[in-house]
N, C-alpha and C. Protein backbone atom coordinates (compact mmCIF):
# COMPACT_ATOMS: atom_id res chain seq x y z
N UNK A 1 191.73 12.08 65.45
CA UNK A 1 192.16 12.85 64.28
C UNK A 1 190.98 12.99 63.30
N UNK A 2 190.79 14.19 62.77
CA UNK A 2 189.68 14.42 61.84
C UNK A 2 189.96 13.76 60.50
N UNK A 3 188.94 13.12 59.94
CA UNK A 3 189.04 12.54 58.60
C UNK A 3 189.01 13.66 57.57
N UNK A 4 189.88 13.60 56.60
CA UNK A 4 189.92 14.61 55.56
C UNK A 4 189.41 14.00 54.25
N UNK A 5 188.25 14.45 53.81
CA UNK A 5 187.67 13.94 52.58
C UNK A 5 188.50 14.42 51.39
N UNK A 6 188.68 13.59 50.36
CA UNK A 6 189.50 14.01 49.20
C UNK A 6 188.96 15.22 48.45
N UNK A 7 187.67 15.54 48.60
CA UNK A 7 187.12 16.70 47.89
C UNK A 7 187.05 17.95 48.77
N UNK A 8 187.62 17.87 49.97
CA UNK A 8 187.61 19.03 50.86
C UNK A 8 188.36 20.19 50.22
N UNK A 9 187.80 21.39 50.33
CA UNK A 9 188.36 22.63 49.76
C UNK A 9 188.27 22.68 48.23
N UNK A 10 187.51 21.78 47.65
CA UNK A 10 187.30 21.81 46.21
C UNK A 10 185.87 22.26 45.91
N UNK A 11 185.65 22.68 44.66
CA UNK A 11 184.31 23.07 44.22
C UNK A 11 183.57 21.81 43.80
N UNK A 12 182.37 21.67 44.34
CA UNK A 12 181.62 20.44 44.13
C UNK A 12 180.19 20.75 43.73
N UNK A 13 179.55 19.74 43.22
CA UNK A 13 178.11 19.78 42.93
C UNK A 13 177.51 18.55 43.57
N UNK A 14 176.38 18.73 44.26
CA UNK A 14 175.77 17.58 44.90
C UNK A 14 174.27 17.57 44.70
N UNK A 15 173.74 16.38 44.68
CA UNK A 15 172.29 16.18 44.61
C UNK A 15 171.82 15.66 45.95
N UNK A 16 170.72 16.23 46.44
CA UNK A 16 170.16 15.76 47.70
C UNK A 16 168.71 15.34 47.48
N UNK A 17 168.23 14.48 48.35
CA UNK A 17 166.86 13.95 48.24
C UNK A 17 165.85 15.08 48.26
N UNK A 18 164.86 14.98 47.38
CA UNK A 18 163.73 15.90 47.40
C UNK A 18 163.96 17.22 46.70
N UNK A 19 165.18 17.49 46.25
CA UNK A 19 165.48 18.77 45.60
C UNK A 19 165.92 18.48 44.17
N UNK A 20 165.19 19.05 43.20
CA UNK A 20 165.45 18.72 41.80
C UNK A 20 166.75 19.33 41.28
N UNK A 21 167.09 20.54 41.72
CA UNK A 21 168.30 21.21 41.25
C UNK A 21 169.48 20.87 42.15
N UNK A 22 170.66 20.66 41.57
CA UNK A 22 171.84 20.38 42.39
C UNK A 22 172.31 21.61 43.15
N UNK A 23 173.09 21.39 44.17
CA UNK A 23 173.71 22.46 44.96
C UNK A 23 175.18 22.53 44.58
N UNK A 24 175.68 23.73 44.37
CA UNK A 24 177.09 23.91 44.03
C UNK A 24 177.77 24.81 45.04
N UNK A 25 179.06 24.59 45.26
CA UNK A 25 179.82 25.44 46.15
C UNK A 25 181.13 24.79 46.52
N UNK A 26 181.82 25.41 47.46
CA UNK A 26 183.09 24.89 47.94
C UNK A 26 182.83 24.02 49.16
N UNK A 27 183.39 22.83 49.15
CA UNK A 27 183.21 21.92 50.28
C UNK A 27 184.17 22.34 51.39
N UNK A 28 183.60 22.74 52.53
CA UNK A 28 184.37 23.34 53.61
C UNK A 28 184.73 22.34 54.70
N UNK A 29 183.82 21.44 55.01
CA UNK A 29 184.05 20.49 56.10
C UNK A 29 183.14 19.30 55.93
N UNK A 30 183.52 18.20 56.58
CA UNK A 30 182.66 17.00 56.57
C UNK A 30 182.89 16.22 57.85
N UNK A 31 181.77 15.81 58.47
CA UNK A 31 181.82 14.91 59.61
C UNK A 31 181.24 13.57 59.20
N UNK A 32 181.01 12.69 60.16
CA UNK A 32 180.51 11.36 59.81
C UNK A 32 179.06 11.38 59.35
N UNK A 33 178.31 12.46 59.70
CA UNK A 33 176.90 12.48 59.31
C UNK A 33 176.45 13.83 58.75
N UNK A 34 177.39 14.74 58.44
CA UNK A 34 177.02 16.05 57.91
C UNK A 34 178.18 16.63 57.11
N UNK A 35 177.85 17.42 56.08
CA UNK A 35 178.90 18.14 55.36
C UNK A 35 178.52 19.60 55.25
N UNK A 36 179.53 20.44 54.97
CA UNK A 36 179.34 21.89 54.92
C UNK A 36 179.78 22.39 53.55
N UNK A 37 178.89 23.14 52.89
CA UNK A 37 179.17 23.74 51.59
C UNK A 37 179.03 25.25 51.73
N UNK A 38 179.91 26.00 51.09
CA UNK A 38 179.72 27.45 50.98
C UNK A 38 179.44 27.76 49.52
N UNK A 39 178.27 28.36 49.25
CA UNK A 39 177.84 28.57 47.86
C UNK A 39 178.19 29.96 47.32
N UNK A 40 179.04 30.68 48.05
CA UNK A 40 179.40 32.03 47.65
C UNK A 40 178.68 33.08 48.45
N UNK A 41 177.56 32.69 49.06
CA UNK A 41 176.77 33.61 49.89
C UNK A 41 176.53 33.06 51.28
N UNK A 42 176.30 31.74 51.36
CA UNK A 42 175.86 31.15 52.62
C UNK A 42 176.56 29.81 52.87
N UNK A 43 176.58 29.43 54.16
CA UNK A 43 177.01 28.08 54.54
C UNK A 43 175.78 27.18 54.57
N UNK A 44 175.86 26.03 53.92
CA UNK A 44 174.79 25.04 53.95
C UNK A 44 175.28 23.81 54.70
N UNK A 45 174.55 23.44 55.75
CA UNK A 45 174.86 22.25 56.53
C UNK A 45 173.90 21.15 56.08
N UNK A 46 174.45 20.10 55.49
CA UNK A 46 173.64 19.09 54.80
C UNK A 46 173.85 17.71 55.44
N UNK A 47 172.82 17.15 56.09
CA UNK A 47 172.95 15.79 56.64
C UNK A 47 173.27 14.78 55.53
N UNK A 48 174.24 13.92 55.77
CA UNK A 48 174.70 13.00 54.73
C UNK A 48 173.65 11.97 54.34
N UNK A 49 172.67 11.75 55.21
CA UNK A 49 171.64 10.76 54.89
C UNK A 49 170.89 11.11 53.62
N UNK A 50 170.88 12.41 53.25
CA UNK A 50 170.14 12.84 52.06
C UNK A 50 171.05 13.07 50.84
N UNK A 51 172.35 12.82 51.00
CA UNK A 51 173.28 13.01 49.90
C UNK A 51 173.15 11.86 48.90
N UNK A 52 172.84 12.19 47.65
CA UNK A 52 172.70 11.16 46.62
C UNK A 52 173.95 11.06 45.74
N UNK A 53 174.52 12.22 45.37
CA UNK A 53 175.74 12.24 44.56
C UNK A 53 176.57 13.44 44.95
N UNK A 54 177.90 13.28 44.85
CA UNK A 54 178.84 14.36 45.13
C UNK A 54 179.96 14.26 44.11
N UNK A 55 180.24 15.35 43.42
CA UNK A 55 181.26 15.32 42.37
C UNK A 55 181.92 16.69 42.26
N UNK A 56 183.12 16.71 41.71
CA UNK A 56 183.82 17.98 41.51
C UNK A 56 183.26 18.69 40.28
N UNK A 57 183.33 20.03 40.31
CA UNK A 57 182.95 20.83 39.15
C UNK A 57 184.03 21.88 38.93
N UNK A 58 184.12 22.38 37.72
CA UNK A 58 185.08 23.43 37.40
C UNK A 58 184.54 24.76 37.90
N UNK A 59 185.36 25.49 38.63
CA UNK A 59 184.95 26.80 39.14
C UNK A 59 185.26 27.87 38.11
N UNK A 60 184.23 28.62 37.74
CA UNK A 60 184.41 29.72 36.79
C UNK A 60 184.67 31.01 37.58
N UNK A 61 185.60 31.82 37.10
CA UNK A 61 185.85 33.12 37.73
C UNK A 61 186.75 33.00 38.94
N UNK A 62 186.64 34.00 39.83
CA UNK A 62 187.54 34.08 40.97
C UNK A 62 187.19 33.06 42.05
N UNK A 63 188.21 32.78 42.85
CA UNK A 63 188.02 31.87 43.97
C UNK A 63 187.08 32.49 45.00
N UNK A 64 186.23 31.67 45.61
CA UNK A 64 185.30 32.16 46.62
C UNK A 64 186.05 32.65 47.85
N UNK A 65 185.61 33.78 48.38
CA UNK A 65 186.13 34.27 49.65
C UNK A 65 185.22 33.73 50.74
N UNK A 66 185.76 32.87 51.58
CA UNK A 66 184.96 32.22 52.62
C UNK A 66 184.98 33.09 53.88
N UNK A 67 183.82 33.54 54.34
CA UNK A 67 183.78 34.36 55.56
C UNK A 67 184.01 33.50 56.80
N UNK A 68 183.92 34.15 57.95
CA UNK A 68 184.04 33.43 59.22
C UNK A 68 182.92 32.42 59.35
N UNK A 69 183.23 31.28 59.97
CA UNK A 69 182.20 30.28 60.21
C UNK A 69 181.13 30.84 61.15
N UNK A 70 179.88 30.48 60.93
CA UNK A 70 178.83 30.95 61.84
C UNK A 70 178.93 30.33 63.22
N UNK A 71 179.59 29.16 63.31
CA UNK A 71 179.76 28.48 64.59
C UNK A 71 181.25 28.42 64.92
N UNK A 72 181.55 28.40 66.18
CA UNK A 72 182.94 28.32 66.62
C UNK A 72 183.57 27.01 66.14
N UNK A 73 184.75 27.11 65.55
CA UNK A 73 185.45 25.93 65.06
C UNK A 73 185.93 25.07 66.23
N UNK A 74 185.74 23.75 66.09
CA UNK A 74 186.15 22.82 67.13
C UNK A 74 187.25 21.92 66.59
N UNK A 75 188.07 21.42 67.50
CA UNK A 75 189.15 20.53 67.06
C UNK A 75 188.62 19.15 66.69
N UNK A 76 187.54 18.73 67.35
CA UNK A 76 186.97 17.42 67.04
C UNK A 76 186.04 17.53 65.83
N UNK A 77 185.75 16.41 65.16
CA UNK A 77 184.91 16.44 63.95
C UNK A 77 183.52 17.02 64.23
N UNK A 78 182.97 17.68 63.23
CA UNK A 78 181.61 18.20 63.36
C UNK A 78 180.61 17.04 63.29
N UNK A 79 179.42 17.27 63.81
CA UNK A 79 178.36 16.27 63.71
C UNK A 79 177.03 16.99 63.56
N UNK A 80 176.06 16.28 63.07
CA UNK A 80 174.71 16.82 62.86
C UNK A 80 174.16 17.38 64.17
N UNK A 81 174.24 16.60 65.24
CA UNK A 81 173.67 17.04 66.52
C UNK A 81 174.41 18.27 67.06
N UNK A 82 175.73 18.30 66.94
CA UNK A 82 176.49 19.46 67.42
C UNK A 82 176.08 20.72 66.66
N UNK A 83 175.90 20.59 65.35
CA UNK A 83 175.49 21.75 64.54
C UNK A 83 174.12 22.26 64.99
N UNK A 84 173.19 21.35 65.23
CA UNK A 84 171.86 21.75 65.70
C UNK A 84 171.94 22.45 67.05
N UNK A 85 172.76 21.91 67.94
CA UNK A 85 172.90 22.54 69.26
C UNK A 85 173.50 23.93 69.13
N UNK A 86 174.48 24.08 68.24
CA UNK A 86 175.10 25.39 68.03
C UNK A 86 174.14 26.39 67.39
N UNK A 87 173.20 25.87 66.59
CA UNK A 87 172.27 26.74 65.87
C UNK A 87 171.10 27.23 66.72
N UNK A 88 170.97 26.71 67.93
CA UNK A 88 169.85 27.14 68.79
C UNK A 88 169.90 28.64 69.01
N UNK A 89 168.78 29.30 68.77
CA UNK A 89 168.68 30.73 68.98
C UNK A 89 169.21 31.58 67.84
N UNK A 90 169.76 30.95 66.79
CA UNK A 90 170.25 31.70 65.63
C UNK A 90 169.17 31.74 64.56
N UNK A 91 168.99 32.87 63.91
CA UNK A 91 168.08 32.94 62.78
C UNK A 91 168.62 32.04 61.68
N UNK A 92 167.80 31.11 61.22
CA UNK A 92 168.25 30.10 60.25
C UNK A 92 167.16 29.84 59.22
N UNK A 93 167.60 29.22 58.14
CA UNK A 93 166.70 28.78 57.08
C UNK A 93 166.80 27.27 56.98
N UNK A 94 165.64 26.61 56.89
CA UNK A 94 165.60 25.15 56.75
C UNK A 94 164.96 24.78 55.42
N UNK A 95 165.48 23.72 54.82
CA UNK A 95 164.76 23.11 53.70
C UNK A 95 164.42 21.69 54.10
N UNK A 96 163.12 21.37 54.01
CA UNK A 96 162.65 20.06 54.45
C UNK A 96 161.90 19.34 53.34
N UNK A 97 160.96 20.04 52.71
CA UNK A 97 160.11 19.38 51.74
C UNK A 97 159.54 20.38 50.75
N UNK A 98 159.13 19.90 49.58
CA UNK A 98 158.45 20.75 48.61
C UNK A 98 159.34 21.81 48.00
N UNK A 99 158.73 22.93 47.66
CA UNK A 99 159.46 24.01 46.99
C UNK A 99 159.71 25.21 47.89
N UNK A 100 159.51 25.03 49.20
CA UNK A 100 159.66 26.17 50.09
C UNK A 100 160.64 25.88 51.21
N UNK A 101 161.22 26.96 51.72
CA UNK A 101 162.07 26.86 52.89
C UNK A 101 161.36 27.54 54.06
N UNK A 102 161.82 27.26 55.27
CA UNK A 102 161.25 27.83 56.48
C UNK A 102 162.30 28.72 57.13
N UNK A 103 161.88 29.88 57.59
CA UNK A 103 162.79 30.81 58.25
C UNK A 103 162.35 31.02 59.69
N UNK A 104 163.32 31.02 60.59
CA UNK A 104 162.99 31.23 62.00
C UNK A 104 164.13 30.82 62.90
N UNK A 105 163.79 30.30 64.08
CA UNK A 105 164.79 29.99 65.10
C UNK A 105 164.61 28.58 65.62
N UNK A 106 165.72 27.86 65.73
CA UNK A 106 165.71 26.54 66.34
C UNK A 106 165.73 26.74 67.86
N UNK A 107 164.77 26.14 68.55
CA UNK A 107 164.65 26.41 69.99
C UNK A 107 165.01 25.22 70.88
N UNK A 108 164.77 23.99 70.41
CA UNK A 108 165.05 22.80 71.24
C UNK A 108 165.49 21.65 70.36
N UNK A 109 166.40 20.81 70.89
CA UNK A 109 166.85 19.61 70.17
C UNK A 109 166.61 18.42 71.09
N UNK A 110 165.77 17.48 70.61
CA UNK A 110 165.45 16.29 71.40
C UNK A 110 166.13 15.08 70.77
N UNK A 111 165.72 13.86 71.14
CA UNK A 111 166.42 12.66 70.66
C UNK A 111 166.41 12.51 69.15
N UNK A 112 165.22 12.62 68.54
CA UNK A 112 165.13 12.40 67.09
C UNK A 112 164.28 13.47 66.40
N UNK A 113 164.13 14.63 67.05
CA UNK A 113 163.43 15.75 66.42
C UNK A 113 163.93 17.04 67.04
N UNK A 114 163.63 18.14 66.38
CA UNK A 114 163.92 19.44 66.99
C UNK A 114 162.72 20.35 66.80
N UNK A 115 162.71 21.45 67.56
CA UNK A 115 161.60 22.39 67.52
C UNK A 115 162.09 23.68 66.89
N UNK A 116 161.32 24.19 65.95
CA UNK A 116 161.68 25.38 65.20
C UNK A 116 160.54 26.38 65.32
N UNK A 117 160.89 27.65 65.58
CA UNK A 117 159.86 28.68 65.74
C UNK A 117 159.92 29.64 64.56
N UNK A 118 158.81 29.75 63.83
CA UNK A 118 158.75 30.52 62.59
C UNK A 118 157.66 31.58 62.69
N UNK A 119 157.88 32.77 62.10
CA UNK A 119 156.81 33.78 62.11
C UNK A 119 155.61 33.37 61.28
N UNK A 120 155.81 32.42 60.36
CA UNK A 120 154.71 31.97 59.49
C UNK A 120 153.96 30.80 60.10
N UNK A 121 154.69 29.78 60.56
CA UNK A 121 154.07 28.54 61.04
C UNK A 121 154.05 28.43 62.56
N UNK A 122 154.71 29.35 63.26
CA UNK A 122 154.86 29.31 64.71
C UNK A 122 155.66 28.07 65.12
N UNK A 123 155.23 27.29 66.08
CA UNK A 123 156.06 26.17 66.57
C UNK A 123 155.92 24.96 65.64
N UNK A 124 157.05 24.51 65.10
CA UNK A 124 157.08 23.36 64.19
C UNK A 124 157.95 22.27 64.80
N UNK A 125 157.45 21.05 64.78
CA UNK A 125 158.23 19.89 65.21
C UNK A 125 158.80 19.25 63.94
N UNK A 126 160.12 19.11 63.90
CA UNK A 126 160.79 18.63 62.69
C UNK A 126 161.55 17.33 62.99
N UNK A 127 161.24 16.28 62.24
CA UNK A 127 161.97 15.02 62.39
C UNK A 127 163.41 15.18 61.94
N UNK A 128 164.36 14.70 62.75
CA UNK A 128 165.78 14.83 62.41
C UNK A 128 166.11 14.15 61.09
N UNK A 129 165.42 13.08 60.77
CA UNK A 129 165.79 12.34 59.56
C UNK A 129 165.29 13.00 58.27
N UNK A 130 164.53 14.09 58.39
CA UNK A 130 163.98 14.71 57.18
C UNK A 130 164.51 16.10 56.87
N UNK A 131 165.38 16.64 57.71
CA UNK A 131 165.99 17.94 57.38
C UNK A 131 166.98 17.74 56.23
N UNK A 132 166.81 18.52 55.15
CA UNK A 132 167.70 18.39 53.99
C UNK A 132 168.90 19.32 54.12
N UNK A 133 168.69 20.55 54.57
CA UNK A 133 169.83 21.41 54.89
C UNK A 133 169.41 22.53 55.82
N UNK A 134 170.41 23.09 56.50
CA UNK A 134 170.23 24.23 57.40
C UNK A 134 171.21 25.32 56.99
N UNK A 135 170.71 26.56 56.90
CA UNK A 135 171.55 27.72 56.59
C UNK A 135 171.44 28.71 57.75
N UNK A 136 172.51 28.90 58.53
CA UNK A 136 172.48 29.93 59.58
C UNK A 136 172.75 31.30 58.98
N UNK A 137 172.04 32.31 59.47
CA UNK A 137 172.22 33.68 58.97
C UNK A 137 173.12 34.48 59.90
N UNK A 138 173.58 35.62 59.41
CA UNK A 138 174.40 36.51 60.23
C UNK A 138 173.61 36.98 61.45
N UNK A 139 174.28 37.26 62.56
CA UNK A 139 173.57 37.66 63.78
C UNK A 139 172.72 38.92 63.63
N UNK A 140 173.09 39.81 62.69
CA UNK A 140 172.34 41.07 62.54
C UNK A 140 171.15 40.95 61.59
N UNK A 141 170.88 39.74 61.09
CA UNK A 141 169.76 39.51 60.17
C UNK A 141 168.60 38.91 60.95
N UNK A 142 167.39 39.39 60.69
CA UNK A 142 166.19 38.85 61.35
C UNK A 142 165.17 38.44 60.29
N UNK A 143 164.25 37.52 60.62
CA UNK A 143 163.25 37.08 59.63
C UNK A 143 162.41 38.24 59.13
N UNK A 144 162.39 38.41 57.82
CA UNK A 144 161.53 39.42 57.19
C UNK A 144 161.79 40.83 57.73
N UNK A 145 162.99 41.06 58.24
CA UNK A 145 163.41 42.32 58.89
C UNK A 145 162.49 42.70 60.05
N UNK A 146 161.86 41.73 60.66
CA UNK A 146 161.01 41.99 61.82
C UNK A 146 161.86 42.39 63.02
N UNK A 147 161.38 43.31 63.82
CA UNK A 147 162.08 43.69 65.04
C UNK A 147 161.81 42.64 66.11
N UNK A 148 162.66 42.57 67.15
CA UNK A 148 162.41 41.62 68.25
C UNK A 148 161.03 41.81 68.88
N UNK A 149 160.53 43.04 68.87
CA UNK A 149 159.20 43.29 69.44
C UNK A 149 158.11 42.68 68.55
N UNK A 150 158.32 42.72 67.22
CA UNK A 150 157.35 42.16 66.28
C UNK A 150 157.39 40.63 66.25
N UNK A 151 158.60 40.10 66.44
CA UNK A 151 158.75 38.64 66.40
C UNK A 151 159.65 38.20 67.56
N UNK A 152 159.11 38.15 68.76
CA UNK A 152 159.92 37.71 69.90
C UNK A 152 160.17 36.21 69.84
N UNK A 153 161.37 35.81 70.21
CA UNK A 153 161.71 34.39 70.27
C UNK A 153 161.10 33.81 71.53
N UNK A 154 160.06 32.99 71.34
CA UNK A 154 159.31 32.48 72.48
C UNK A 154 159.55 30.98 72.63
N UNK A 155 159.61 30.48 73.86
CA UNK A 155 159.73 29.03 74.06
C UNK A 155 158.46 28.33 73.58
N UNK A 156 158.61 27.06 73.24
CA UNK A 156 157.46 26.29 72.76
C UNK A 156 156.39 26.21 73.84
N UNK A 157 155.11 26.46 73.47
CA UNK A 157 154.04 26.36 74.46
C UNK A 157 153.71 24.93 74.84
N UNK A 158 154.17 23.96 74.02
CA UNK A 158 153.83 22.57 74.30
C UNK A 158 154.91 21.90 75.14
N UNK A 159 154.48 20.91 75.93
CA UNK A 159 155.42 20.11 76.70
C UNK A 159 156.12 19.15 75.74
N UNK A 160 157.44 19.13 75.79
CA UNK A 160 158.20 18.33 74.83
C UNK A 160 158.49 16.94 75.37
N UNK A 161 158.35 15.96 74.49
CA UNK A 161 158.70 14.57 74.80
C UNK A 161 160.12 14.31 74.29
N UNK A 162 160.65 13.15 74.60
CA UNK A 162 162.01 12.83 74.16
C UNK A 162 162.07 12.43 72.68
N UNK A 163 161.02 11.75 72.19
CA UNK A 163 161.06 11.23 70.83
C UNK A 163 159.91 11.79 70.00
N UNK A 164 160.09 11.71 68.69
CA UNK A 164 159.08 12.19 67.73
C UNK A 164 157.78 11.42 67.91
N UNK A 165 157.88 10.11 68.09
CA UNK A 165 156.70 9.27 68.29
C UNK A 165 155.93 9.70 69.54
N UNK A 166 156.64 9.89 70.64
CA UNK A 166 155.97 10.32 71.88
C UNK A 166 155.36 11.71 71.73
N UNK A 167 156.04 12.59 70.99
CA UNK A 167 155.52 13.94 70.80
C UNK A 167 154.22 13.93 70.02
N UNK A 168 154.17 13.09 68.96
CA UNK A 168 152.93 13.01 68.18
C UNK A 168 151.80 12.42 69.02
N UNK A 169 152.12 11.48 69.87
CA UNK A 169 151.07 10.88 70.72
C UNK A 169 150.49 11.92 71.68
N UNK A 170 151.29 12.88 72.07
CA UNK A 170 150.79 13.97 72.92
C UNK A 170 149.77 14.83 72.20
N UNK A 171 149.79 14.78 70.85
CA UNK A 171 148.91 15.63 70.05
C UNK A 171 147.65 14.91 69.58
N UNK A 172 147.45 13.68 70.02
CA UNK A 172 146.23 12.96 69.64
C UNK A 172 145.01 13.74 70.13
N UNK A 173 144.06 13.94 69.21
CA UNK A 173 142.87 14.74 69.50
C UNK A 173 142.99 16.18 69.07
N UNK A 174 144.21 16.60 68.68
CA UNK A 174 144.43 17.98 68.25
C UNK A 174 144.30 18.10 66.73
N UNK A 175 143.98 19.31 66.29
CA UNK A 175 143.98 19.63 64.86
C UNK A 175 145.42 19.94 64.46
N UNK A 176 145.98 19.17 63.55
CA UNK A 176 147.40 19.30 63.21
C UNK A 176 147.58 19.48 61.71
N UNK A 177 148.74 20.00 61.36
CA UNK A 177 149.15 20.13 59.96
C UNK A 177 150.47 19.38 59.81
N UNK A 178 150.50 18.41 58.91
CA UNK A 178 151.70 17.63 58.66
C UNK A 178 152.39 18.13 57.39
N UNK A 179 153.71 18.09 57.40
CA UNK A 179 154.52 18.43 56.22
C UNK A 179 154.15 19.79 55.64
N UNK A 180 153.91 20.75 56.53
CA UNK A 180 153.63 22.14 56.17
C UNK A 180 152.35 22.31 55.36
N UNK A 181 151.47 21.28 55.36
CA UNK A 181 150.19 21.38 54.67
C UNK A 181 150.29 21.32 53.17
N UNK A 182 151.38 20.71 52.65
CA UNK A 182 151.57 20.63 51.20
C UNK A 182 150.47 19.81 50.51
N UNK A 183 149.83 18.96 51.27
CA UNK A 183 148.77 18.10 50.74
C UNK A 183 147.56 18.24 51.68
N UNK A 184 146.36 18.54 51.14
CA UNK A 184 145.19 18.71 52.01
C UNK A 184 144.86 17.47 52.84
N UNK A 185 145.31 16.30 52.38
CA UNK A 185 145.07 15.07 53.14
C UNK A 185 146.01 14.94 54.34
N UNK A 186 146.91 15.90 54.50
CA UNK A 186 147.81 15.90 55.66
C UNK A 186 147.41 16.97 56.67
N UNK A 187 146.18 17.41 56.58
CA UNK A 187 145.64 18.41 57.52
C UNK A 187 144.38 17.82 58.15
N UNK A 188 144.32 17.78 59.47
CA UNK A 188 143.12 17.25 60.11
C UNK A 188 143.35 16.96 61.57
N UNK A 189 142.39 16.28 62.17
CA UNK A 189 142.48 15.91 63.58
C UNK A 189 143.26 14.60 63.69
N UNK A 190 144.30 14.62 64.54
CA UNK A 190 145.10 13.41 64.76
C UNK A 190 144.30 12.46 65.65
N UNK A 191 143.85 11.35 65.07
CA UNK A 191 142.96 10.42 65.78
C UNK A 191 143.72 9.37 66.57
N UNK A 192 144.88 8.95 66.05
CA UNK A 192 145.62 7.91 66.77
C UNK A 192 146.84 7.46 65.99
N UNK A 193 147.71 6.70 66.68
CA UNK A 193 148.92 6.12 66.07
C UNK A 193 148.98 4.66 66.49
N UNK A 194 148.92 3.78 65.53
CA UNK A 194 148.98 2.35 65.80
C UNK A 194 149.85 1.68 64.75
N UNK A 195 150.81 0.85 65.21
CA UNK A 195 151.70 0.10 64.32
C UNK A 195 152.32 1.00 63.24
N UNK A 196 152.85 2.13 63.70
CA UNK A 196 153.53 3.11 62.82
C UNK A 196 152.61 3.76 61.79
N UNK A 197 151.30 3.62 61.95
CA UNK A 197 150.36 4.28 61.06
C UNK A 197 149.64 5.39 61.82
N UNK A 198 149.65 6.57 61.24
CA UNK A 198 148.99 7.74 61.83
C UNK A 198 147.62 7.91 61.17
N UNK A 199 146.58 8.04 61.96
CA UNK A 199 145.24 8.26 61.43
C UNK A 199 144.85 9.72 61.60
N UNK A 200 144.49 10.33 60.48
CA UNK A 200 144.00 11.71 60.49
C UNK A 200 142.55 11.73 60.03
N UNK A 201 141.74 12.58 60.65
CA UNK A 201 140.38 12.82 60.17
C UNK A 201 140.42 14.12 59.37
N UNK A 202 140.17 14.04 58.06
CA UNK A 202 140.33 15.19 57.17
C UNK A 202 139.08 16.08 57.17
N UNK A 203 139.11 17.12 56.35
CA UNK A 203 138.02 18.12 56.33
C UNK A 203 136.66 17.48 56.10
N UNK A 204 136.60 16.47 55.23
CA UNK A 204 135.32 15.83 54.92
C UNK A 204 134.90 14.79 55.93
N UNK A 205 135.74 14.55 56.95
CA UNK A 205 135.40 13.59 57.99
C UNK A 205 135.91 12.19 57.73
N UNK A 206 136.53 11.96 56.57
CA UNK A 206 137.04 10.62 56.29
C UNK A 206 138.41 10.44 56.92
N UNK A 207 138.80 9.19 57.13
CA UNK A 207 140.08 8.88 57.73
C UNK A 207 141.15 8.67 56.66
N UNK A 208 142.33 9.22 56.90
CA UNK A 208 143.50 9.01 56.06
C UNK A 208 144.59 8.43 56.94
N UNK A 209 145.29 7.41 56.43
CA UNK A 209 146.36 6.77 57.20
C UNK A 209 147.70 7.06 56.53
N UNK A 210 148.67 7.47 57.34
CA UNK A 210 150.00 7.83 56.85
C UNK A 210 151.04 7.07 57.65
N UNK A 211 152.09 6.60 56.98
CA UNK A 211 153.14 5.90 57.71
C UNK A 211 153.99 6.91 58.48
N UNK A 212 154.24 6.59 59.73
CA UNK A 212 154.95 7.48 60.64
C UNK A 212 156.30 7.94 60.07
N UNK A 213 157.03 7.03 59.43
CA UNK A 213 158.39 7.34 58.96
C UNK A 213 158.42 8.41 57.88
N UNK A 214 157.27 8.67 57.24
CA UNK A 214 157.23 9.65 56.16
C UNK A 214 156.70 11.01 56.61
N UNK A 215 156.42 11.15 57.88
CA UNK A 215 155.98 12.44 58.41
C UNK A 215 157.22 13.27 58.72
N UNK A 216 157.33 14.42 58.06
CA UNK A 216 158.54 15.25 58.18
C UNK A 216 158.39 16.32 59.25
N UNK A 217 157.24 17.00 59.25
CA UNK A 217 157.01 18.08 60.23
C UNK A 217 155.57 18.01 60.73
N UNK A 218 155.39 18.57 61.92
CA UNK A 218 154.05 18.70 62.51
C UNK A 218 153.96 20.08 63.14
N UNK A 219 152.86 20.78 62.87
CA UNK A 219 152.62 22.00 63.61
C UNK A 219 151.12 22.20 63.80
N UNK A 220 150.79 23.01 64.81
CA UNK A 220 149.39 23.33 65.08
C UNK A 220 149.07 24.68 64.44
N UNK A 221 147.88 24.83 63.85
CA UNK A 221 147.54 26.11 63.21
C UNK A 221 147.37 27.24 64.23
């Protein structure tokens, strides 16, 4: 039997990690590790690991008209992994870090990471524990209104490992960009991974060490 949260079908405001402004909308569904909000325009799928606060708010004006769910409704509870599997091949928006979102297509879901293909960043490896929310778009919407010929959905050129750690080890010796390049010290040649510390050789040739658990995304330029 599905658990029914007391705030289900109510208007809520929530704070999530890494985002300064709260999210508001109608709470549509909740599973053991993910919740669904409709903000009047879009469905937001938010992993609960990043939920800091959730509270009711007074709705001004008319009640929201909730469109059809982007994914087929199931009788069993929703879960983070099921949502990711359902989102494969759908044009989606991700929020992971900083002040920007990523637009593109989710192509593969592995044990603790997934692969996302973007017209801006191309193939991105995203740690499951760092996705803040996912917004699936309508089937007739494409990134930047690009045609399929301009932006074909291509499989990842890299061989995929089962885990994020193994995937990063496959990239040792490669020039990589971590966390979308928000910090110049997260761009460089991946020299090695030892005891959960990642060593990068930066533009000036010096070594920078980063803890593995704080790496959110990896992509090749």
